[in-house]
N, C-alpha and C. Protein backbone atom coordinates (compact mmCIF):
# COMPACT_ATOMS: atom_id res chain seq x y z
N MET A 1 -50.07 103.43 86.45
CA MET A 1 -48.84 102.67 86.26
C MET A 1 -48.92 101.99 84.89
N GLY A 2 -47.89 102.20 84.06
CA GLY A 2 -47.86 101.63 82.72
C GLY A 2 -47.24 100.24 82.69
N ILE A 3 -47.34 99.61 81.53
CA ILE A 3 -46.81 98.25 81.36
C ILE A 3 -45.30 98.20 81.57
N THR A 4 -44.58 99.24 81.11
CA THR A 4 -43.12 99.25 81.30
C THR A 4 -42.77 99.39 82.78
N ASP A 5 -43.61 100.10 83.56
CA ASP A 5 -43.39 100.20 85.00
C ASP A 5 -43.49 98.82 85.64
N THR A 6 -44.48 98.05 85.19
CA THR A 6 -44.68 96.69 85.70
C THR A 6 -43.49 95.80 85.36
N LEU A 7 -43.00 95.92 84.11
CA LEU A 7 -41.85 95.12 83.70
C LEU A 7 -40.61 95.46 84.53
N ARG A 8 -40.35 96.74 84.70
CA ARG A 8 -39.18 97.16 85.49
C ARG A 8 -39.29 96.68 86.92
N ALA A 9 -40.49 96.79 87.49
CA ALA A 9 -40.71 96.37 88.87
C ALA A 9 -40.46 94.88 89.04
N ALA A 10 -40.74 94.12 87.97
CA ALA A 10 -40.53 92.66 88.02
C ALA A 10 -39.07 92.29 87.72
N GLY A 11 -38.24 93.31 87.39
CA GLY A 11 -36.83 93.02 87.11
C GLY A 11 -36.58 92.52 85.70
N PHE A 12 -37.47 92.84 84.78
CA PHE A 12 -37.33 92.37 83.40
C PHE A 12 -36.04 92.89 82.75
N LYS A 13 -35.35 91.99 82.07
CA LYS A 13 -34.17 92.31 81.26
C LYS A 13 -34.37 91.64 79.90
N PRO A 14 -34.18 92.36 78.78
CA PRO A 14 -34.32 91.73 77.46
C PRO A 14 -33.32 90.59 77.29
N GLU A 15 -33.73 89.58 76.54
CA GLU A 15 -32.88 88.42 76.27
C GLU A 15 -32.76 88.21 74.77
N VAL A 16 -31.64 87.67 74.34
CA VAL A 16 -31.43 87.34 72.94
C VAL A 16 -32.32 86.15 72.58
N SER A 17 -32.95 86.20 71.43
CA SER A 17 -33.82 85.10 70.98
C SER A 17 -33.00 83.83 70.78
N THR A 18 -33.55 82.72 71.19
CA THR A 18 -32.90 81.42 70.97
C THR A 18 -33.63 80.63 69.90
N ASP A 19 -34.52 81.28 69.15
CA ASP A 19 -35.26 80.62 68.10
C ASP A 19 -34.29 80.02 67.09
N GLY A 20 -34.50 78.78 66.74
CA GLY A 20 -33.64 78.10 65.77
C GLY A 20 -32.50 77.33 66.41
N GLU A 21 -32.22 77.58 67.69
CA GLU A 21 -31.18 76.82 68.38
C GLU A 21 -31.76 75.49 68.83
N ARG A 22 -30.96 74.47 68.74
CA ARG A 22 -31.43 73.14 69.11
C ARG A 22 -30.54 72.57 70.22
N GLU A 23 -31.17 71.88 71.13
CA GLU A 23 -30.43 71.17 72.18
C GLU A 23 -29.67 70.03 71.53
N ILE A 24 -28.40 69.90 71.85
CA ILE A 24 -27.60 68.78 71.33
C ILE A 24 -27.80 67.61 72.29
N LEU A 25 -28.32 66.52 71.77
CA LEU A 25 -28.61 65.35 72.59
C LEU A 25 -27.42 64.41 72.61
N VAL A 26 -27.04 64.02 73.81
CA VAL A 26 -25.91 63.12 74.01
C VAL A 26 -26.42 61.89 74.74
N GLY A 27 -26.33 60.74 74.09
CA GLY A 27 -26.79 59.51 74.71
C GLY A 27 -27.41 58.57 73.69
N GLN A 28 -28.26 57.69 74.20
CA GLN A 28 -28.92 56.70 73.36
C GLN A 28 -30.44 56.89 73.45
N TYR A 29 -31.08 56.76 72.30
CA TYR A 29 -32.51 57.08 72.23
C TYR A 29 -33.26 56.07 71.39
N LYS A 30 -34.47 55.80 71.82
CA LYS A 30 -35.41 55.04 71.00
C LYS A 30 -36.24 56.11 70.30
N THR A 31 -36.27 56.05 68.98
CA THR A 31 -36.96 57.08 68.21
C THR A 31 -37.93 56.45 67.22
N LYS A 32 -38.69 57.32 66.58
CA LYS A 32 -39.57 56.91 65.50
C LYS A 32 -39.12 57.67 64.27
N TRP A 33 -38.95 56.95 63.14
CA TRP A 33 -38.59 57.61 61.88
C TRP A 33 -39.82 58.40 61.47
N ALA A 34 -39.79 59.71 61.65
CA ALA A 34 -40.97 60.55 61.49
C ALA A 34 -41.17 61.09 60.08
N THR A 35 -40.07 61.33 59.37
CA THR A 35 -40.16 61.98 58.07
C THR A 35 -39.11 61.42 57.12
N ILE A 36 -39.48 61.23 55.88
CA ILE A 36 -38.52 61.06 54.80
C ILE A 36 -39.20 61.58 53.55
N ARG A 37 -38.65 62.66 53.03
CA ARG A 37 -39.25 63.28 51.85
C ARG A 37 -38.16 63.81 50.93
N LYS A 38 -38.45 63.81 49.66
CA LYS A 38 -37.50 64.30 48.66
C LYS A 38 -37.58 65.82 48.60
N GLU A 39 -36.43 66.46 48.64
CA GLU A 39 -36.34 67.91 48.55
C GLU A 39 -35.16 68.26 47.66
N ALA A 40 -35.01 69.54 47.36
CA ALA A 40 -33.89 70.00 46.54
C ALA A 40 -33.40 71.34 47.08
N GLU A 41 -32.08 71.52 47.00
CA GLU A 41 -31.49 72.80 47.36
C GLU A 41 -31.78 73.80 46.24
N ASP A 42 -31.50 75.06 46.49
CA ASP A 42 -31.68 76.09 45.46
C ASP A 42 -30.86 75.77 44.21
N SER A 43 -29.74 75.09 44.41
CA SER A 43 -28.87 74.72 43.28
C SER A 43 -29.46 73.58 42.45
N GLY A 44 -30.51 72.94 42.98
CA GLY A 44 -31.13 71.82 42.28
C GLY A 44 -30.67 70.46 42.79
N ARG A 45 -29.68 70.44 43.67
CA ARG A 45 -29.18 69.18 44.22
C ARG A 45 -30.26 68.53 45.08
N GLU A 46 -30.60 67.27 44.76
CA GLU A 46 -31.69 66.58 45.44
C GLU A 46 -31.19 65.74 46.61
N TYR A 47 -32.03 65.64 47.62
CA TYR A 47 -31.72 64.83 48.80
C TYR A 47 -33.02 64.33 49.41
N LEU A 48 -32.87 63.35 50.29
CA LEU A 48 -34.00 62.87 51.09
C LEU A 48 -33.83 63.43 52.50
N GLN A 49 -34.77 64.26 52.90
CA GLN A 49 -34.76 64.83 54.25
C GLN A 49 -35.39 63.81 55.19
N SER A 50 -34.62 63.38 56.20
CA SER A 50 -35.12 62.42 57.17
C SER A 50 -35.10 63.04 58.55
N GLU A 51 -36.10 62.68 59.37
CA GLU A 51 -36.20 63.20 60.73
C GLU A 51 -36.68 62.10 61.66
N TRP A 52 -36.18 62.13 62.89
CA TRP A 52 -36.55 61.14 63.90
C TRP A 52 -37.01 61.85 65.15
N LYS A 53 -38.08 61.32 65.75
CA LYS A 53 -38.65 61.88 66.97
C LYS A 53 -38.36 60.94 68.14
N VAL A 54 -37.79 61.47 69.21
CA VAL A 54 -37.49 60.68 70.40
C VAL A 54 -38.78 60.21 71.05
N ILE A 55 -38.86 58.90 71.31
CA ILE A 55 -40.01 58.36 72.04
C ILE A 55 -39.60 57.81 73.41
N GLU A 56 -38.28 57.59 73.58
CA GLU A 56 -37.78 57.11 74.89
C GLU A 56 -36.29 57.40 74.99
N VAL A 57 -35.87 57.89 76.17
CA VAL A 57 -34.45 58.09 76.43
C VAL A 57 -33.93 56.81 77.07
N ILE A 58 -32.99 56.16 76.41
CA ILE A 58 -32.38 54.94 76.97
C ILE A 58 -31.34 55.34 77.99
N ASP A 59 -30.49 56.27 77.60
CA ASP A 59 -29.56 56.86 78.55
C ASP A 59 -28.99 58.13 77.91
N GLY A 60 -29.02 59.21 78.66
CA GLY A 60 -28.53 60.46 78.12
C GLY A 60 -29.40 61.64 78.48
N THR A 61 -29.18 62.74 77.76
CA THR A 61 -29.89 63.98 78.01
C THR A 61 -31.09 64.10 77.08
N PHE A 62 -32.08 64.88 77.50
CA PHE A 62 -33.23 65.12 76.65
C PHE A 62 -33.88 66.43 77.04
N ALA A 63 -33.95 67.36 76.10
CA ALA A 63 -34.56 68.66 76.36
C ALA A 63 -36.07 68.51 76.48
N GLY A 64 -36.63 67.61 75.68
CA GLY A 64 -38.01 67.19 75.83
C GLY A 64 -39.11 68.04 75.24
N ASN A 65 -40.16 67.35 74.91
CA ASN A 65 -41.47 67.87 74.59
C ASN A 65 -41.59 68.85 73.42
N SER A 66 -40.65 68.88 72.53
CA SER A 66 -40.81 69.70 71.33
C SER A 66 -41.75 68.97 70.38
N LYS A 67 -42.53 69.73 69.63
CA LYS A 67 -43.39 69.08 68.65
C LYS A 67 -42.59 68.70 67.40
N PHE A 68 -41.34 69.18 67.30
CA PHE A 68 -40.50 68.91 66.15
C PHE A 68 -39.55 67.75 66.41
N PRO A 69 -39.21 66.98 65.39
CA PRO A 69 -38.26 65.87 65.56
C PRO A 69 -36.90 66.38 66.05
N GLU A 70 -36.25 65.56 66.88
CA GLU A 70 -34.98 65.96 67.48
C GLU A 70 -33.76 65.67 66.60
N PHE A 71 -33.84 64.67 65.75
CA PHE A 71 -32.70 64.32 64.89
C PHE A 71 -33.08 64.52 63.43
N ARG A 72 -32.14 65.08 62.66
CA ARG A 72 -32.37 65.33 61.23
C ARG A 72 -31.13 64.95 60.44
N ARG A 73 -31.38 64.45 59.22
CA ARG A 73 -30.26 64.12 58.34
C ARG A 73 -30.72 64.26 56.89
N ARG A 74 -29.81 64.71 56.06
CA ARG A 74 -30.03 64.75 54.62
C ARG A 74 -29.21 63.62 53.99
N TYR A 75 -29.88 62.85 53.15
CA TYR A 75 -29.20 61.83 52.35
C TYR A 75 -29.19 62.36 50.91
N TYR A 76 -28.03 62.81 50.44
CA TYR A 76 -27.94 63.36 49.08
C TYR A 76 -28.00 62.23 48.06
N LEU A 77 -28.86 62.41 47.08
CA LEU A 77 -29.11 61.35 46.09
C LEU A 77 -28.03 61.27 45.01
N ASP A 78 -27.11 62.23 44.96
CA ASP A 78 -26.01 62.18 44.00
C ASP A 78 -24.69 61.79 44.67
N ASP A 79 -24.77 61.35 45.91
CA ASP A 79 -23.58 61.00 46.69
C ASP A 79 -23.65 59.51 47.05
N GLU A 80 -22.75 58.74 46.47
CA GLU A 80 -22.75 57.29 46.69
C GLU A 80 -22.66 56.94 48.17
N ARG A 81 -21.84 57.67 48.92
CA ARG A 81 -21.68 57.41 50.35
C ARG A 81 -23.00 57.63 51.09
N ASP A 82 -23.73 58.70 50.74
CA ASP A 82 -25.02 58.99 51.39
C ASP A 82 -26.07 57.93 51.05
N VAL A 83 -26.11 57.49 49.80
CA VAL A 83 -27.09 56.47 49.40
C VAL A 83 -26.79 55.15 50.11
N LYS A 84 -25.51 54.81 50.24
CA LYS A 84 -25.13 53.60 51.00
C LYS A 84 -25.57 53.74 52.45
N ARG A 85 -25.33 54.92 53.02
CA ARG A 85 -25.70 55.16 54.42
C ARG A 85 -27.21 55.02 54.60
N LEU A 86 -28.00 55.57 53.67
CA LEU A 86 -29.45 55.45 53.72
C LEU A 86 -29.86 53.98 53.68
N CYS A 87 -29.31 53.23 52.74
CA CYS A 87 -29.67 51.81 52.61
C CYS A 87 -29.27 51.04 53.86
N ASN A 88 -28.11 51.32 54.41
CA ASN A 88 -27.66 50.65 55.64
C ASN A 88 -28.53 51.04 56.83
N ASP A 89 -28.86 52.32 56.95
CA ASP A 89 -29.73 52.76 58.06
C ASP A 89 -31.09 52.10 57.95
N ALA A 90 -31.64 52.05 56.74
CA ALA A 90 -32.94 51.40 56.54
C ALA A 90 -32.86 49.92 56.88
N PHE A 91 -31.82 49.25 56.42
CA PHE A 91 -31.66 47.81 56.69
C PHE A 91 -31.52 47.56 58.19
N THR A 92 -30.85 48.47 58.89
CA THR A 92 -30.68 48.34 60.34
C THR A 92 -32.02 48.35 61.06
N VAL A 93 -33.01 49.08 60.52
CA VAL A 93 -34.33 49.13 61.15
C VAL A 93 -35.30 48.14 60.53
N GLY A 94 -34.77 47.24 59.65
CA GLY A 94 -35.59 46.16 59.12
C GLY A 94 -36.25 46.42 57.78
N VAL A 95 -35.77 47.40 57.03
CA VAL A 95 -36.37 47.73 55.73
C VAL A 95 -35.31 47.58 54.64
N SER A 96 -35.63 46.79 53.62
CA SER A 96 -34.75 46.69 52.45
C SER A 96 -35.30 47.60 51.37
N LEU A 97 -34.56 48.64 51.06
CA LEU A 97 -34.99 49.58 50.03
C LEU A 97 -34.72 48.99 48.65
N ASP A 98 -35.53 49.38 47.68
CA ASP A 98 -35.42 48.90 46.31
C ASP A 98 -34.35 49.71 45.58
N ILE A 99 -33.23 49.08 45.26
CA ILE A 99 -32.15 49.79 44.57
C ILE A 99 -32.06 49.40 43.09
N SER A 100 -33.19 48.97 42.51
CA SER A 100 -33.19 48.60 41.09
C SER A 100 -33.08 49.83 40.18
N SER A 101 -33.40 51.02 40.72
CA SER A 101 -33.23 52.28 39.99
C SER A 101 -33.31 53.42 41.00
N ASP A 102 -32.88 54.60 40.57
CA ASP A 102 -32.96 55.77 41.46
C ASP A 102 -34.41 56.06 41.84
N GLU A 103 -35.30 55.94 40.88
CA GLU A 103 -36.72 56.20 41.13
C GLU A 103 -37.30 55.17 42.10
N ALA A 104 -36.92 53.90 41.92
CA ALA A 104 -37.41 52.83 42.80
C ALA A 104 -36.92 53.04 44.23
N LEU A 105 -35.68 53.52 44.37
CA LEU A 105 -35.15 53.80 45.70
C LEU A 105 -36.02 54.83 46.41
N VAL A 106 -36.27 55.95 45.76
CA VAL A 106 -37.07 57.01 46.37
C VAL A 106 -38.49 56.51 46.65
N ALA A 107 -39.07 55.76 45.71
CA ALA A 107 -40.43 55.25 45.87
C ALA A 107 -40.56 54.27 47.02
N SER A 108 -39.46 53.60 47.40
CA SER A 108 -39.53 52.60 48.46
C SER A 108 -39.31 53.18 49.86
N THR A 109 -38.95 54.46 49.95
CA THR A 109 -38.64 55.04 51.27
C THR A 109 -39.83 55.27 52.20
N PRO A 110 -41.07 55.44 51.71
CA PRO A 110 -42.17 55.66 52.67
C PRO A 110 -42.36 54.53 53.68
N GLN A 111 -41.87 53.34 53.38
CA GLN A 111 -42.02 52.25 54.35
C GLN A 111 -41.17 52.47 55.61
N LEU A 112 -40.30 53.48 55.59
CA LEU A 112 -39.50 53.80 56.78
C LEU A 112 -40.30 54.59 57.82
N ILE A 113 -41.33 55.27 57.38
CA ILE A 113 -42.12 56.10 58.30
C ILE A 113 -42.68 55.24 59.43
N ASP A 114 -42.53 55.73 60.65
CA ASP A 114 -42.99 55.12 61.90
C ASP A 114 -42.17 53.92 62.34
N LYS A 115 -41.08 53.62 61.65
CA LYS A 115 -40.21 52.52 62.10
C LYS A 115 -39.47 52.95 63.36
N VAL A 116 -39.44 52.07 64.36
CA VAL A 116 -38.67 52.32 65.57
C VAL A 116 -37.20 52.27 65.19
N THR A 117 -36.47 53.29 65.62
CA THR A 117 -35.06 53.43 65.27
C THR A 117 -34.29 53.77 66.53
N TYR A 118 -33.16 53.13 66.72
CA TYR A 118 -32.31 53.41 67.87
C TYR A 118 -31.16 54.29 67.41
N ILE A 119 -30.91 55.35 68.16
CA ILE A 119 -29.92 56.35 67.78
C ILE A 119 -28.97 56.60 68.95
N ARG A 120 -27.69 56.73 68.62
CA ARG A 120 -26.70 57.21 69.59
C ARG A 120 -26.27 58.59 69.12
N GLY A 121 -26.46 59.59 69.97
CA GLY A 121 -26.14 60.96 69.60
C GLY A 121 -24.99 61.52 70.40
N TRP A 122 -24.25 62.46 69.80
CA TRP A 122 -23.16 63.13 70.49
C TRP A 122 -22.96 64.51 69.90
N LYS A 123 -22.20 65.31 70.62
CA LYS A 123 -21.91 66.69 70.22
C LYS A 123 -20.63 66.70 69.39
N GLY A 124 -20.70 67.34 68.23
CA GLY A 124 -19.52 67.51 67.40
C GLY A 124 -19.15 68.98 67.32
N THR A 125 -17.86 69.27 67.38
CA THR A 125 -17.38 70.64 67.23
C THR A 125 -16.14 70.59 66.35
N PRO A 126 -16.32 70.89 65.06
CA PRO A 126 -15.17 70.80 64.16
C PRO A 126 -14.16 71.92 64.41
N ASP A 127 -12.87 71.59 64.24
CA ASP A 127 -11.84 72.61 64.36
C ASP A 127 -11.34 73.04 62.98
N LYS A 128 -11.79 72.31 61.93
CA LYS A 128 -11.42 72.66 60.55
C LYS A 128 -12.67 72.65 59.68
N ASP A 129 -12.68 73.48 58.63
CA ASP A 129 -13.80 73.48 57.70
C ASP A 129 -13.59 72.39 56.65
N ARG A 130 -14.52 72.25 55.70
CA ARG A 130 -14.45 71.19 54.70
C ARG A 130 -13.21 71.28 53.82
N ALA A 131 -12.67 72.48 53.68
CA ALA A 131 -11.47 72.67 52.87
C ALA A 131 -10.19 72.41 53.67
N GLY A 132 -10.34 72.11 54.96
CA GLY A 132 -9.18 71.82 55.80
C GLY A 132 -8.60 73.03 56.50
N ASN A 133 -9.26 74.18 56.37
CA ASN A 133 -8.79 75.40 57.03
C ASN A 133 -9.20 75.40 58.50
N VAL A 134 -8.30 75.84 59.36
CA VAL A 134 -8.58 75.91 60.79
C VAL A 134 -9.65 76.97 61.04
N ILE A 135 -10.66 76.59 61.83
CA ILE A 135 -11.74 77.52 62.21
C ILE A 135 -11.32 78.20 63.51
N PRO A 136 -11.30 79.54 63.53
CA PRO A 136 -10.97 80.22 64.79
C PRO A 136 -11.91 79.78 65.91
N GLU A 137 -11.37 79.63 67.10
CA GLU A 137 -12.14 79.09 68.22
C GLU A 137 -13.44 79.84 68.46
N GLU A 138 -13.43 81.16 68.34
CA GLU A 138 -14.65 81.95 68.59
C GLU A 138 -15.71 81.75 67.52
N GLU A 139 -15.35 81.15 66.38
CA GLU A 139 -16.30 80.91 65.29
C GLU A 139 -16.78 79.46 65.21
N ARG A 140 -16.24 78.60 66.06
CA ARG A 140 -16.63 77.18 66.03
C ARG A 140 -18.03 77.02 66.58
N ARG A 141 -18.83 76.23 65.85
CA ARG A 141 -20.21 75.96 66.28
C ARG A 141 -20.38 74.46 66.47
N SER A 142 -21.00 74.09 67.56
CA SER A 142 -21.27 72.68 67.82
C SER A 142 -22.48 72.24 67.00
N PHE A 143 -22.52 70.96 66.69
CA PHE A 143 -23.64 70.43 65.93
C PHE A 143 -24.01 69.06 66.47
N GLN A 144 -25.23 68.63 66.14
CA GLN A 144 -25.71 67.31 66.54
C GLN A 144 -25.15 66.28 65.58
N ASN A 145 -24.54 65.24 66.10
CA ASN A 145 -24.07 64.13 65.30
C ASN A 145 -24.72 62.87 65.86
N PHE A 146 -24.97 61.88 64.98
CA PHE A 146 -25.61 60.66 65.47
C PHE A 146 -25.44 59.53 64.47
N VAL A 147 -25.64 58.32 64.99
CA VAL A 147 -25.65 57.12 64.16
C VAL A 147 -26.89 56.30 64.50
N ILE A 148 -27.36 55.56 63.49
CA ILE A 148 -28.46 54.61 63.68
C ILE A 148 -27.83 53.32 64.21
N ARG A 149 -28.45 52.74 65.23
CA ARG A 149 -27.92 51.52 65.84
C ARG A 149 -28.94 50.40 65.77
N ALA A 150 -28.41 49.18 65.81
CA ALA A 150 -29.28 48.01 65.94
C ALA A 150 -29.83 47.99 67.37
N GLU A 151 -31.04 47.48 67.54
CA GLU A 151 -31.67 47.44 68.86
C GLU A 151 -30.79 46.73 69.88
N LYS A 152 -30.15 45.63 69.48
CA LYS A 152 -29.33 44.85 70.42
C LYS A 152 -28.15 45.66 70.97
N ASN A 153 -27.73 46.72 70.26
CA ASN A 153 -26.61 47.54 70.71
C ASN A 153 -27.05 48.78 71.48
N ALA A 154 -28.34 48.97 71.64
CA ALA A 154 -28.86 50.17 72.29
C ALA A 154 -29.27 49.87 73.72
N LYS A 155 -28.33 49.46 74.52
CA LYS A 155 -28.57 49.14 75.92
C LYS A 155 -27.98 50.23 76.79
N PRO A 156 -28.59 50.48 77.95
CA PRO A 156 -28.00 51.47 78.85
C PRO A 156 -26.58 51.08 79.23
N ARG A 157 -25.73 52.08 79.32
CA ARG A 157 -24.33 51.82 79.70
C ARG A 157 -24.27 51.44 81.16
N LYS A 158 -23.43 50.48 81.47
CA LYS A 158 -23.24 50.06 82.86
C LYS A 158 -22.07 50.84 83.44
N ALA A 159 -22.21 51.21 84.71
CA ALA A 159 -21.13 51.91 85.39
C ALA A 159 -19.95 50.97 85.57
N LYS A 160 -18.77 51.51 85.43
CA LYS A 160 -17.56 50.71 85.64
C LYS A 160 -17.41 50.41 87.13
N ALA A 161 -16.84 49.27 87.42
CA ALA A 161 -16.62 48.88 88.81
C ALA A 161 -15.80 49.97 89.52
N GLY A 162 -16.26 50.35 90.68
CA GLY A 162 -15.55 51.35 91.47
C GLY A 162 -15.84 52.78 91.04
N ALA A 163 -16.72 52.96 90.07
CA ALA A 163 -17.04 54.33 89.62
C ALA A 163 -17.91 55.03 90.65
N VAL A 164 -17.65 56.29 90.85
CA VAL A 164 -18.44 57.10 91.77
C VAL A 164 -19.74 57.46 91.06
N PRO A 165 -20.91 57.28 91.70
CA PRO A 165 -22.20 57.47 91.05
C PRO A 165 -22.63 58.93 90.85
N PHE A 166 -21.72 59.88 90.98
CA PHE A 166 -22.12 61.29 90.77
C PHE A 166 -21.09 62.03 90.01
């Protein structure tokens, strides 16, 4: 009896690879700021790649136990809105970044590593692309969206009075 005989006998059916797919986390999480490093796109555009690893589910879903961080964000260094967001996210976790120069900003980011960070995550599914064109429904892809929250705002949600618990 060959290996393929064994597979057929067990009812084996080939499956499409899910490598690269990520579980979209919906809820509130206590995380650790795991990574912040300067990188560049092929075009030369520079950004700070940041990643957060879930250490506790406050309320919500969790696929669990991946060795890779669950939340990722790029802060583009040539985008004023992204730099403001980085500074605000850092300040929310108790770190004041040095904004005396672009170099000082990047040099001050390692102090974010291992900072406890509270995140609220949700699923986003855009119906239009960046140019404002409607995306056909069969081509829409969901993505992970999230915000950094202050610890005082990261409390489990309370059920509304009269809500059914299931």
